[in-house]
N, C-alpha and C. Protein backbone atom coordinates (compact mmCIF):
# COMPACT_ATOMS: atom_id res chain seq x y z
N MET A 1 -23.41 -28.04 -18.37
CA MET A 1 -23.94 -27.29 -17.27
C MET A 1 -25.33 -26.78 -17.64
N ARG A 2 -26.20 -26.89 -16.73
CA ARG A 2 -27.57 -26.43 -16.94
C ARG A 2 -27.67 -24.93 -16.70
N ALA A 3 -28.75 -24.34 -17.18
CA ALA A 3 -28.94 -22.89 -17.07
C ALA A 3 -28.89 -22.43 -15.61
N ASN A 4 -29.53 -23.17 -14.72
CA ASN A 4 -29.53 -22.75 -13.31
C ASN A 4 -28.13 -22.84 -12.69
N GLU A 5 -27.32 -23.80 -13.12
CA GLU A 5 -25.95 -23.91 -12.62
C GLU A 5 -25.10 -22.74 -13.12
N LEU A 6 -25.28 -22.38 -14.38
CA LEU A 6 -24.55 -21.24 -14.92
C LEU A 6 -24.97 -19.95 -14.23
N LEU A 7 -26.25 -19.82 -13.97
CA LEU A 7 -26.74 -18.63 -13.27
C LEU A 7 -26.14 -18.54 -11.87
N LEU A 8 -26.11 -19.66 -11.16
CA LEU A 8 -25.50 -19.67 -9.82
C LEU A 8 -24.02 -19.33 -9.88
N PHE A 9 -23.34 -19.85 -10.89
CA PHE A 9 -21.92 -19.56 -11.08
C PHE A 9 -21.73 -18.06 -11.33
N ARG A 10 -22.56 -17.51 -12.21
CA ARG A 10 -22.49 -16.07 -12.50
C ARG A 10 -22.76 -15.24 -11.25
N GLU A 11 -23.75 -15.62 -10.48
CA GLU A 11 -24.07 -14.89 -9.24
C GLU A 11 -22.91 -14.97 -8.24
N LYS A 12 -22.26 -16.12 -8.18
CA LYS A 12 -21.11 -16.29 -7.27
C LYS A 12 -19.96 -15.37 -7.70
N LEU A 13 -19.72 -15.29 -9.01
CA LEU A 13 -18.68 -14.39 -9.50
C LEU A 13 -19.01 -12.94 -9.14
N ALA A 14 -20.26 -12.55 -9.37
CA ALA A 14 -20.69 -11.18 -9.06
C ALA A 14 -20.56 -10.90 -7.56
N GLU A 15 -20.89 -11.88 -6.75
CA GLU A 15 -20.78 -11.74 -5.29
C GLU A 15 -19.35 -11.43 -4.86
N HIS A 16 -18.40 -11.95 -5.62
CA HIS A 16 -16.98 -11.73 -5.32
C HIS A 16 -16.39 -10.57 -6.12
N GLY A 17 -17.24 -9.81 -6.82
CA GLY A 17 -16.79 -8.63 -7.54
C GLY A 17 -16.09 -8.90 -8.85
N VAL A 18 -16.22 -10.10 -9.37
CA VAL A 18 -15.51 -10.48 -10.60
C VAL A 18 -16.17 -9.82 -11.81
N MET A 19 -15.36 -9.07 -12.57
CA MET A 19 -15.83 -8.42 -13.79
C MET A 19 -15.50 -9.25 -15.02
N VAL A 20 -14.34 -9.90 -15.01
CA VAL A 20 -13.88 -10.72 -16.12
C VAL A 20 -13.37 -12.03 -15.53
N CYS A 21 -13.78 -13.13 -16.15
CA CYS A 21 -13.29 -14.44 -15.72
C CYS A 21 -13.02 -15.27 -16.97
N TYR A 22 -11.84 -15.86 -17.03
CA TYR A 22 -11.47 -16.70 -18.17
C TYR A 22 -10.77 -17.94 -17.63
N ASN A 23 -11.15 -19.09 -18.16
CA ASN A 23 -10.51 -20.34 -17.80
C ASN A 23 -10.22 -21.10 -19.08
N GLY A 24 -8.98 -21.46 -19.29
CA GLY A 24 -8.63 -22.22 -20.49
C GLY A 24 -7.22 -21.92 -20.92
N TYR A 25 -6.97 -22.20 -22.20
CA TYR A 25 -5.65 -21.94 -22.76
C TYR A 25 -5.36 -20.45 -22.73
N MET A 26 -4.16 -20.11 -22.31
CA MET A 26 -3.71 -18.72 -22.30
C MET A 26 -2.73 -18.56 -23.45
N THR A 27 -3.04 -17.64 -24.33
CA THR A 27 -2.17 -17.33 -25.47
C THR A 27 -2.04 -15.82 -25.58
N GLU A 28 -1.13 -15.39 -26.42
CA GLU A 28 -0.96 -13.96 -26.65
C GLU A 28 -2.25 -13.37 -27.23
N ASP A 29 -2.96 -14.13 -28.07
CA ASP A 29 -4.22 -13.64 -28.63
C ASP A 29 -5.28 -13.47 -27.54
N VAL A 30 -5.35 -14.42 -26.62
CA VAL A 30 -6.29 -14.32 -25.49
C VAL A 30 -5.93 -13.10 -24.66
N LEU A 31 -4.63 -12.93 -24.39
CA LEU A 31 -4.17 -11.78 -23.62
C LEU A 31 -4.63 -10.48 -24.28
N THR A 32 -4.46 -10.37 -25.58
CA THR A 32 -4.84 -9.15 -26.31
C THR A 32 -6.34 -8.91 -26.24
N GLY A 33 -7.14 -9.95 -26.44
CA GLY A 33 -8.59 -9.79 -26.42
C GLY A 33 -9.13 -9.40 -25.05
N ILE A 34 -8.67 -10.08 -24.02
CA ILE A 34 -9.13 -9.77 -22.67
C ILE A 34 -8.63 -8.40 -22.24
N ALA A 35 -7.42 -8.05 -22.64
CA ALA A 35 -6.88 -6.73 -22.32
C ALA A 35 -7.78 -5.63 -22.86
N ALA A 36 -8.25 -5.79 -24.08
CA ALA A 36 -9.15 -4.80 -24.68
C ALA A 36 -10.44 -4.69 -23.88
N THR A 37 -10.96 -5.83 -23.43
CA THR A 37 -12.18 -5.84 -22.62
C THR A 37 -11.96 -5.12 -21.29
N ILE A 38 -10.84 -5.39 -20.65
CA ILE A 38 -10.53 -4.75 -19.37
C ILE A 38 -10.39 -3.24 -19.55
N LYS A 39 -9.67 -2.83 -20.58
CA LYS A 39 -9.52 -1.40 -20.84
C LYS A 39 -10.87 -0.74 -21.04
N HIS A 40 -11.74 -1.39 -21.80
CA HIS A 40 -13.07 -0.83 -22.05
C HIS A 40 -13.88 -0.73 -20.75
N GLN A 41 -13.84 -1.77 -19.94
CA GLN A 41 -14.57 -1.74 -18.67
C GLN A 41 -14.06 -0.63 -17.76
N MET A 42 -12.77 -0.43 -17.74
CA MET A 42 -12.18 0.62 -16.91
C MET A 42 -12.66 2.00 -17.39
N MET A 43 -12.72 2.18 -18.71
CA MET A 43 -13.20 3.46 -19.26
C MET A 43 -14.67 3.67 -18.91
N VAL A 44 -15.49 2.63 -19.08
CA VAL A 44 -16.92 2.74 -18.80
C VAL A 44 -17.15 3.09 -17.33
N ARG A 45 -16.32 2.57 -16.44
CA ARG A 45 -16.45 2.82 -15.00
C ARG A 45 -15.75 4.10 -14.56
N ASN A 46 -15.21 4.83 -15.52
CA ASN A 46 -14.47 6.07 -15.22
C ASN A 46 -13.38 5.85 -14.17
N THR A 47 -12.68 4.75 -14.33
CA THR A 47 -11.61 4.41 -13.40
C THR A 47 -10.43 5.36 -13.58
N ASP A 48 -9.85 5.78 -12.48
CA ASP A 48 -8.65 6.62 -12.52
C ASP A 48 -7.63 5.97 -13.45
N LYS A 49 -6.98 6.79 -14.28
CA LYS A 49 -6.04 6.26 -15.28
C LYS A 49 -4.89 5.48 -14.66
N ASN A 50 -4.38 5.95 -13.53
CA ASN A 50 -3.28 5.23 -12.87
C ASN A 50 -3.74 3.87 -12.35
N VAL A 51 -4.95 3.81 -11.81
CA VAL A 51 -5.49 2.54 -11.33
C VAL A 51 -5.71 1.60 -12.51
N ALA A 52 -6.31 2.11 -13.58
CA ALA A 52 -6.55 1.29 -14.78
C ALA A 52 -5.24 0.76 -15.35
N ARG A 53 -4.23 1.60 -15.39
CA ARG A 53 -2.92 1.19 -15.90
C ARG A 53 -2.32 0.10 -15.00
N GLY A 54 -2.49 0.25 -13.68
CA GLY A 54 -2.00 -0.75 -12.75
C GLY A 54 -2.70 -2.09 -12.91
N VAL A 55 -4.02 -2.06 -13.05
CA VAL A 55 -4.79 -3.30 -13.26
C VAL A 55 -4.31 -3.97 -14.54
N PHE A 56 -4.18 -3.19 -15.59
CA PHE A 56 -3.74 -3.73 -16.88
C PHE A 56 -2.35 -4.35 -16.76
N SER A 57 -1.44 -3.67 -16.08
CA SER A 57 -0.07 -4.19 -15.91
C SER A 57 -0.06 -5.50 -15.13
N LEU A 58 -0.85 -5.56 -14.05
CA LEU A 58 -0.93 -6.80 -13.27
C LEU A 58 -1.51 -7.93 -14.11
N PHE A 59 -2.53 -7.61 -14.87
CA PHE A 59 -3.14 -8.60 -15.76
C PHE A 59 -2.10 -9.18 -16.72
N VAL A 60 -1.35 -8.31 -17.39
CA VAL A 60 -0.34 -8.77 -18.36
C VAL A 60 0.70 -9.65 -17.68
N GLU A 61 1.23 -9.22 -16.54
CA GLU A 61 2.25 -10.00 -15.83
C GLU A 61 1.73 -11.39 -15.45
N GLN A 62 0.51 -11.43 -14.93
CA GLN A 62 -0.03 -12.71 -14.46
C GLN A 62 -0.35 -13.65 -15.61
N VAL A 63 -0.90 -13.13 -16.69
CA VAL A 63 -1.19 -13.98 -17.85
C VAL A 63 0.11 -14.50 -18.46
N GLN A 64 1.12 -13.64 -18.54
CA GLN A 64 2.41 -14.09 -19.07
C GLN A 64 3.01 -15.19 -18.20
N ASN A 65 2.79 -15.11 -16.90
CA ASN A 65 3.26 -16.16 -16.00
C ASN A 65 2.60 -17.49 -16.36
N VAL A 66 1.30 -17.48 -16.60
CA VAL A 66 0.59 -18.71 -16.99
C VAL A 66 1.11 -19.20 -18.33
N ILE A 67 1.23 -18.30 -19.31
CA ILE A 67 1.69 -18.67 -20.65
C ILE A 67 3.06 -19.33 -20.60
N ARG A 68 3.91 -18.87 -19.72
CA ARG A 68 5.28 -19.39 -19.67
C ARG A 68 5.46 -20.60 -18.76
N TYR A 69 4.67 -20.68 -17.66
CA TYR A 69 5.02 -21.65 -16.63
C TYR A 69 3.95 -22.64 -16.20
N SER A 70 2.72 -22.51 -16.64
CA SER A 70 1.71 -23.46 -16.20
C SER A 70 2.13 -24.88 -16.52
N ALA A 71 2.01 -25.76 -15.54
CA ALA A 71 2.38 -27.16 -15.74
C ALA A 71 1.27 -27.93 -16.47
N GLU A 72 0.13 -27.31 -16.62
CA GLU A 72 -0.97 -27.92 -17.36
C GLU A 72 -0.88 -27.41 -18.79
N LYS A 73 -0.40 -28.29 -19.67
CA LYS A 73 -0.12 -27.83 -21.03
C LYS A 73 -0.38 -28.93 -22.04
N GLU A 74 -0.49 -28.50 -23.27
CA GLU A 74 -0.69 -29.41 -24.38
C GLU A 74 0.25 -28.96 -25.49
N THR A 75 0.99 -29.90 -26.04
CA THR A 75 1.93 -29.58 -27.10
C THR A 75 1.56 -30.35 -28.35
N SER A 76 1.62 -29.66 -29.48
CA SER A 76 1.38 -30.32 -30.76
C SER A 76 2.45 -29.87 -31.74
N CYS A 77 2.69 -30.68 -32.72
CA CYS A 77 3.70 -30.38 -33.72
C CYS A 77 3.00 -29.90 -34.98
N GLN A 78 3.36 -28.71 -35.43
CA GLN A 78 2.83 -28.13 -36.66
C GLN A 78 4.01 -28.00 -37.62
N GLY A 79 4.18 -28.99 -38.47
CA GLY A 79 5.34 -29.00 -39.36
C GLY A 79 6.60 -29.21 -38.55
N SER A 80 7.51 -28.26 -38.61
CA SER A 80 8.76 -28.37 -37.85
C SER A 80 8.70 -27.57 -36.55
N THR A 81 7.52 -27.05 -36.21
CA THR A 81 7.38 -26.21 -35.02
C THR A 81 6.52 -26.88 -33.97
N ASP A 82 7.03 -26.91 -32.73
CA ASP A 82 6.24 -27.39 -31.60
C ASP A 82 5.45 -26.21 -31.05
N ILE A 83 4.16 -26.40 -30.85
CA ILE A 83 3.31 -25.37 -30.28
C ILE A 83 2.82 -25.88 -28.93
N THR A 84 3.08 -25.10 -27.89
CA THR A 84 2.65 -25.45 -26.54
C THR A 84 1.61 -24.44 -26.08
N MET A 85 0.49 -24.96 -25.60
CA MET A 85 -0.55 -24.10 -25.04
C MET A 85 -0.72 -24.49 -23.59
N ARG A 86 -0.67 -23.48 -22.73
CA ARG A 86 -0.76 -23.69 -21.29
C ARG A 86 -2.10 -23.18 -20.77
N THR A 87 -2.57 -23.80 -19.70
CA THR A 87 -3.90 -23.52 -19.17
C THR A 87 -3.83 -22.80 -17.85
N GLY A 88 -4.79 -21.91 -17.64
CA GLY A 88 -4.88 -21.21 -16.37
C GLY A 88 -6.25 -20.57 -16.21
N LEU A 89 -6.43 -19.95 -15.06
CA LEU A 89 -7.66 -19.26 -14.71
C LEU A 89 -7.31 -17.81 -14.39
N LEU A 90 -8.10 -16.89 -14.91
CA LEU A 90 -7.86 -15.47 -14.70
C LEU A 90 -9.14 -14.80 -14.25
N MET A 91 -9.02 -13.90 -13.27
CA MET A 91 -10.17 -13.09 -12.83
C MET A 91 -9.69 -11.67 -12.58
N VAL A 92 -10.51 -10.72 -13.00
CA VAL A 92 -10.28 -9.32 -12.71
C VAL A 92 -11.57 -8.80 -12.09
N GLY A 93 -11.44 -8.05 -11.01
CA GLY A 93 -12.65 -7.57 -10.37
C GLY A 93 -12.38 -6.45 -9.40
N LYS A 94 -13.41 -6.14 -8.64
CA LYS A 94 -13.32 -5.05 -7.66
C LYS A 94 -14.01 -5.49 -6.37
N GLU A 95 -13.28 -5.33 -5.27
CA GLU A 95 -13.80 -5.59 -3.93
C GLU A 95 -13.75 -4.28 -3.17
N ALA A 96 -14.86 -3.83 -2.69
CA ALA A 96 -14.94 -2.55 -1.96
C ALA A 96 -14.29 -1.45 -2.79
N ASP A 97 -13.19 -0.90 -2.31
CA ASP A 97 -12.57 0.23 -3.00
C ASP A 97 -11.28 -0.15 -3.73
N ARG A 98 -11.06 -1.43 -3.95
CA ARG A 98 -9.82 -1.84 -4.63
C ARG A 98 -10.10 -2.86 -5.72
N TYR A 99 -9.33 -2.74 -6.80
CA TYR A 99 -9.40 -3.71 -7.89
C TYR A 99 -8.45 -4.85 -7.59
N PHE A 100 -8.71 -6.00 -8.19
CA PHE A 100 -7.81 -7.13 -8.05
C PHE A 100 -7.65 -7.84 -9.38
N VAL A 101 -6.51 -8.51 -9.51
CA VAL A 101 -6.25 -9.41 -10.62
C VAL A 101 -5.80 -10.71 -9.98
N ALA A 102 -6.49 -11.79 -10.30
CA ALA A 102 -6.15 -13.10 -9.73
C ALA A 102 -5.91 -14.09 -10.86
N CYS A 103 -4.93 -14.93 -10.67
CA CYS A 103 -4.61 -15.95 -11.66
C CYS A 103 -4.32 -17.25 -10.93
N GLY A 104 -4.65 -18.35 -11.58
CA GLY A 104 -4.34 -19.65 -11.01
C GLY A 104 -3.90 -20.60 -12.10
N ASN A 105 -2.95 -21.45 -11.77
CA ASN A 105 -2.47 -22.45 -12.72
C ASN A 105 -1.77 -23.58 -11.97
N MET A 106 -1.62 -24.67 -12.66
CA MET A 106 -0.91 -25.81 -12.09
C MET A 106 0.59 -25.57 -12.11
N VAL A 107 1.25 -26.01 -11.04
CA VAL A 107 2.71 -26.01 -10.99
C VAL A 107 3.14 -27.41 -10.54
N GLU A 108 4.35 -27.74 -10.86
CA GLU A 108 4.87 -29.03 -10.41
C GLU A 108 5.16 -28.95 -8.92
N LYS A 109 4.78 -30.00 -8.21
CA LYS A 109 4.91 -30.02 -6.76
C LYS A 109 6.36 -29.80 -6.32
N LYS A 110 7.30 -30.27 -7.11
CA LYS A 110 8.73 -30.11 -6.77
C LYS A 110 9.17 -28.66 -6.76
N ASP A 111 8.40 -27.76 -7.39
CA ASP A 111 8.76 -26.34 -7.46
C ASP A 111 8.10 -25.49 -6.38
N VAL A 112 7.19 -26.06 -5.61
CA VAL A 112 6.39 -25.28 -4.67
C VAL A 112 7.24 -24.65 -3.57
N ALA A 113 8.15 -25.37 -2.97
CA ALA A 113 8.94 -24.82 -1.86
C ALA A 113 9.73 -23.59 -2.30
N THR A 114 10.38 -23.67 -3.45
CA THR A 114 11.16 -22.54 -3.96
C THR A 114 10.25 -21.37 -4.30
N LEU A 115 9.15 -21.66 -4.97
CA LEU A 115 8.20 -20.62 -5.34
C LEU A 115 7.64 -19.92 -4.10
N ARG A 116 7.24 -20.71 -3.11
CA ARG A 116 6.70 -20.14 -1.87
C ARG A 116 7.76 -19.27 -1.17
N SER A 117 8.98 -19.77 -1.08
CA SER A 117 10.06 -19.03 -0.43
C SER A 117 10.32 -17.69 -1.13
N ASN A 118 10.37 -17.73 -2.46
CA ASN A 118 10.60 -16.50 -3.23
C ASN A 118 9.46 -15.50 -3.01
N LEU A 119 8.22 -15.97 -3.02
CA LEU A 119 7.07 -15.09 -2.85
C LEU A 119 7.01 -14.49 -1.44
N VAL A 120 7.31 -15.30 -0.44
CA VAL A 120 7.33 -14.79 0.94
C VAL A 120 8.40 -13.71 1.07
N HIS A 121 9.56 -13.96 0.47
CA HIS A 121 10.65 -12.97 0.50
C HIS A 121 10.20 -11.67 -0.18
N ILE A 122 9.64 -11.77 -1.37
CA ILE A 122 9.17 -10.60 -2.11
C ILE A 122 8.09 -9.87 -1.32
N GLN A 123 7.18 -10.62 -0.73
CA GLN A 123 6.08 -10.01 0.03
C GLN A 123 6.59 -9.21 1.22
N GLY A 124 7.72 -9.59 1.77
CA GLY A 124 8.26 -8.93 2.95
C GLY A 124 9.07 -7.68 2.65
N LEU A 125 9.27 -7.36 1.38
CA LEU A 125 10.09 -6.21 1.02
C LEU A 125 9.26 -4.94 0.89
N ASP A 126 9.85 -3.82 1.27
CA ASP A 126 9.19 -2.53 1.05
C ASP A 126 9.51 -2.06 -0.37
N LYS A 127 9.05 -0.86 -0.70
CA LYS A 127 9.20 -0.31 -2.05
C LYS A 127 10.67 -0.26 -2.48
N GLU A 128 11.54 0.21 -1.59
CA GLU A 128 12.97 0.30 -1.91
C GLU A 128 13.61 -1.08 -2.04
N GLY A 129 13.20 -2.00 -1.18
CA GLY A 129 13.71 -3.36 -1.26
C GLY A 129 13.31 -4.04 -2.56
N LEU A 130 12.08 -3.81 -3.01
CA LEU A 130 11.63 -4.37 -4.29
C LEU A 130 12.42 -3.78 -5.45
N LYS A 131 12.66 -2.49 -5.37
CA LYS A 131 13.42 -1.82 -6.43
C LYS A 131 14.84 -2.39 -6.51
N ALA A 132 15.46 -2.57 -5.36
CA ALA A 132 16.82 -3.12 -5.31
C ALA A 132 16.85 -4.56 -5.82
N LEU A 133 15.87 -5.37 -5.41
CA LEU A 133 15.81 -6.76 -5.88
C LEU A 133 15.58 -6.81 -7.38
N PHE A 134 14.72 -5.94 -7.89
CA PHE A 134 14.45 -5.88 -9.32
C PHE A 134 15.75 -5.59 -10.08
N LYS A 135 16.49 -4.57 -9.64
CA LYS A 135 17.75 -4.20 -10.31
C LYS A 135 18.76 -5.34 -10.25
N LYS A 136 18.87 -5.95 -9.08
CA LYS A 136 19.82 -7.06 -8.91
C LYS A 136 19.45 -8.23 -9.82
N THR A 137 18.16 -8.54 -9.88
CA THR A 137 17.69 -9.67 -10.69
C THR A 137 17.87 -9.40 -12.17
N ILE A 138 17.54 -8.21 -12.61
CA ILE A 138 17.63 -7.87 -14.03
C ILE A 138 19.08 -7.88 -14.52
N LYS A 139 20.02 -7.54 -13.61
CA LYS A 139 21.44 -7.52 -13.98
C LYS A 139 22.09 -8.90 -13.85
N GLY A 140 21.44 -9.79 -13.11
CA GLY A 140 22.02 -11.11 -12.87
C GLY A 140 21.72 -12.08 -13.99
N GLU A 141 22.11 -13.31 -13.78
CA GLU A 141 21.84 -14.35 -14.76
C GLU A 141 20.38 -14.76 -14.67
N THR A 142 19.85 -15.20 -15.79
CA THR A 142 18.48 -15.68 -15.81
C THR A 142 18.39 -16.92 -14.93
N PRO A 143 17.43 -16.96 -14.00
CA PRO A 143 17.30 -18.12 -13.12
C PRO A 143 17.04 -19.41 -13.91
N ALA A 144 17.53 -20.53 -13.40
CA ALA A 144 17.32 -21.82 -14.05
C ALA A 144 15.83 -22.08 -14.23
N GLY A 145 15.44 -22.49 -15.41
CA GLY A 145 14.04 -22.79 -15.69
C GLY A 145 13.20 -21.59 -16.03
N SER A 146 13.77 -20.39 -15.96
CA SER A 146 13.02 -19.17 -16.26
C SER A 146 13.00 -18.92 -17.76
N LEU A 147 11.86 -18.45 -18.25
CA LEU A 147 11.73 -18.11 -19.66
C LEU A 147 11.80 -16.61 -19.87
N GLY A 148 12.13 -15.89 -18.82
CA GLY A 148 12.26 -14.43 -18.90
C GLY A 148 13.44 -14.01 -18.07
N ALA A 149 13.39 -12.81 -17.55
CA ALA A 149 14.50 -12.29 -16.74
C ALA A 149 14.36 -12.69 -15.27
N GLY A 150 13.24 -13.32 -14.90
CA GLY A 150 13.03 -13.73 -13.51
C GLY A 150 12.48 -12.63 -12.64
N VAL A 151 11.89 -11.60 -13.24
CA VAL A 151 11.41 -10.46 -12.47
C VAL A 151 9.88 -10.39 -12.39
N GLY A 152 9.18 -11.36 -12.93
CA GLY A 152 7.72 -11.30 -12.99
C GLY A 152 7.03 -11.07 -11.66
N PHE A 153 7.35 -11.86 -10.66
CA PHE A 153 6.70 -11.70 -9.35
C PHE A 153 7.16 -10.42 -8.64
N ILE A 154 8.41 -10.03 -8.88
CA ILE A 154 8.89 -8.77 -8.32
C ILE A 154 8.09 -7.62 -8.93
N ASP A 155 7.90 -7.69 -10.22
CA ASP A 155 7.13 -6.66 -10.92
C ASP A 155 5.68 -6.62 -10.43
N ILE A 156 5.09 -7.79 -10.20
CA ILE A 156 3.73 -7.84 -9.66
C ILE A 156 3.69 -7.15 -8.30
N ALA A 157 4.65 -7.46 -7.45
CA ALA A 157 4.69 -6.84 -6.12
C ALA A 157 4.87 -5.33 -6.21
N ARG A 158 5.68 -4.87 -7.15
CA ARG A 158 5.90 -3.43 -7.31
C ARG A 158 4.63 -2.72 -7.79
N LYS A 159 3.86 -3.39 -8.63
CA LYS A 159 2.67 -2.77 -9.21
C LYS A 159 1.43 -2.93 -8.33
N ALA A 160 1.44 -3.91 -7.46
CA ALA A 160 0.30 -4.17 -6.57
C ALA A 160 0.35 -3.17 -5.41
N THR A 161 -0.21 -2.01 -5.62
CA THR A 161 -0.10 -0.93 -4.63
C THR A 161 -0.77 -1.27 -3.31
N ARG A 162 -1.63 -2.28 -3.31
CA ARG A 162 -2.30 -2.71 -2.08
C ARG A 162 -1.95 -4.15 -1.73
N GLY A 163 -0.80 -4.59 -2.18
CA GLY A 163 -0.29 -5.91 -1.81
C GLY A 163 -0.80 -7.05 -2.66
N PHE A 164 -0.31 -8.23 -2.32
CA PHE A 164 -0.75 -9.45 -3.01
C PHE A 164 -0.76 -10.60 -2.03
N GLU A 165 -1.53 -11.62 -2.40
CA GLU A 165 -1.56 -12.85 -1.61
C GLU A 165 -1.43 -14.02 -2.57
N PHE A 166 -1.02 -15.15 -2.04
CA PHE A 166 -0.88 -16.34 -2.87
C PHE A 166 -1.23 -17.56 -2.05
N ASP A 167 -1.46 -18.66 -2.75
CA ASP A 167 -1.84 -19.89 -2.07
C ASP A 167 -1.52 -21.08 -2.97
N PHE A 168 -1.44 -22.24 -2.35
CA PHE A 168 -1.21 -23.49 -3.06
C PHE A 168 -2.22 -24.51 -2.59
N SER A 169 -2.69 -25.34 -3.50
CA SER A 169 -3.62 -26.41 -3.15
C SER A 169 -3.19 -27.67 -3.89
N ASP A 170 -2.84 -28.71 -3.13
CA ASP A 170 -2.39 -29.96 -3.76
C ASP A 170 -3.49 -30.57 -4.62
N VAL A 171 -3.08 -31.07 -5.79
CA VAL A 171 -4.01 -31.69 -6.73
C VAL A 171 -3.79 -33.19 -6.76
N ASP A 172 -2.55 -33.59 -6.91
CA ASP A 172 -2.19 -35.01 -6.92
C ASP A 172 -0.73 -35.13 -6.48
N ASP A 173 -0.11 -36.28 -6.72
CA ASP A 173 1.27 -36.49 -6.26
C ASP A 173 2.29 -35.62 -6.98
N LEU A 174 1.95 -35.12 -8.17
CA LEU A 174 2.91 -34.37 -8.96
C LEU A 174 2.60 -32.89 -9.12
N ARG A 175 1.33 -32.52 -8.95
CA ARG A 175 0.94 -31.14 -9.25
C ARG A 175 0.22 -30.46 -8.09
N THR A 176 0.37 -29.14 -8.07
CA THR A 176 -0.28 -28.28 -7.10
C THR A 176 -0.89 -27.11 -7.86
N HIS A 177 -2.06 -26.68 -7.41
CA HIS A 177 -2.66 -25.49 -8.03
C HIS A 177 -2.15 -24.27 -7.28
N PHE A 178 -1.57 -23.35 -8.02
CA PHE A 178 -1.02 -22.12 -7.49
C PHE A 178 -1.94 -20.96 -7.85
N SER A 179 -2.20 -20.08 -6.89
CA SER A 179 -2.97 -18.88 -7.20
C SER A 179 -2.30 -17.66 -6.59
N ILE A 180 -2.45 -16.55 -7.30
CA ILE A 180 -1.94 -15.27 -6.83
C ILE A 180 -3.01 -14.22 -7.10
N LYS A 181 -3.19 -13.34 -6.13
CA LYS A 181 -4.19 -12.28 -6.24
C LYS A 181 -3.52 -10.98 -5.81
N ALA A 182 -3.46 -10.03 -6.74
CA ALA A 182 -2.80 -8.75 -6.47
C ALA A 182 -3.83 -7.63 -6.49
N TYR A 183 -3.61 -6.63 -5.65
CA TYR A 183 -4.59 -5.56 -5.46
C TYR A 183 -4.03 -4.19 -5.85
N ILE A 184 -4.92 -3.38 -6.42
CA ILE A 184 -4.61 -1.99 -6.77
C ILE A 184 -5.60 -1.12 -6.03
């Protein structure tokens, strides 16, 4: 990329209020490093502690989602251990009077209908409904294919005090790009 292209890219990010943007492999080390940057930026901007905590929580949930589920991955064998690194895009920023955390990653096309249905259901719940679903999910069996308790998107909805939106964009016959943007 040439200098003028990078400058235009930077200006486009600023136009959309993006403070932090990362594209590439998501690992626990990346999560830790970017988290420190976000915390520092929130302090410099004198952000309300509850808002800063909410942004940080949304960031962690979304990055963990990429680390666990992105269909764009690379696996290598290190001795007797398989190491898988998954790829995604992360943005943290501020639009008008609200902060946002946005993440995007590839998902398998066969999973889109279920994912969309679950997200629409979660989006339609109020605070009490989210709390009840969270409790029910945490007490239930781990969903098939889940690498956690299956509460990640519920937790995002609970922490996104100003809601969330999501979208899908077909990439090829097997993969779709999934994005989620949550607001505080």
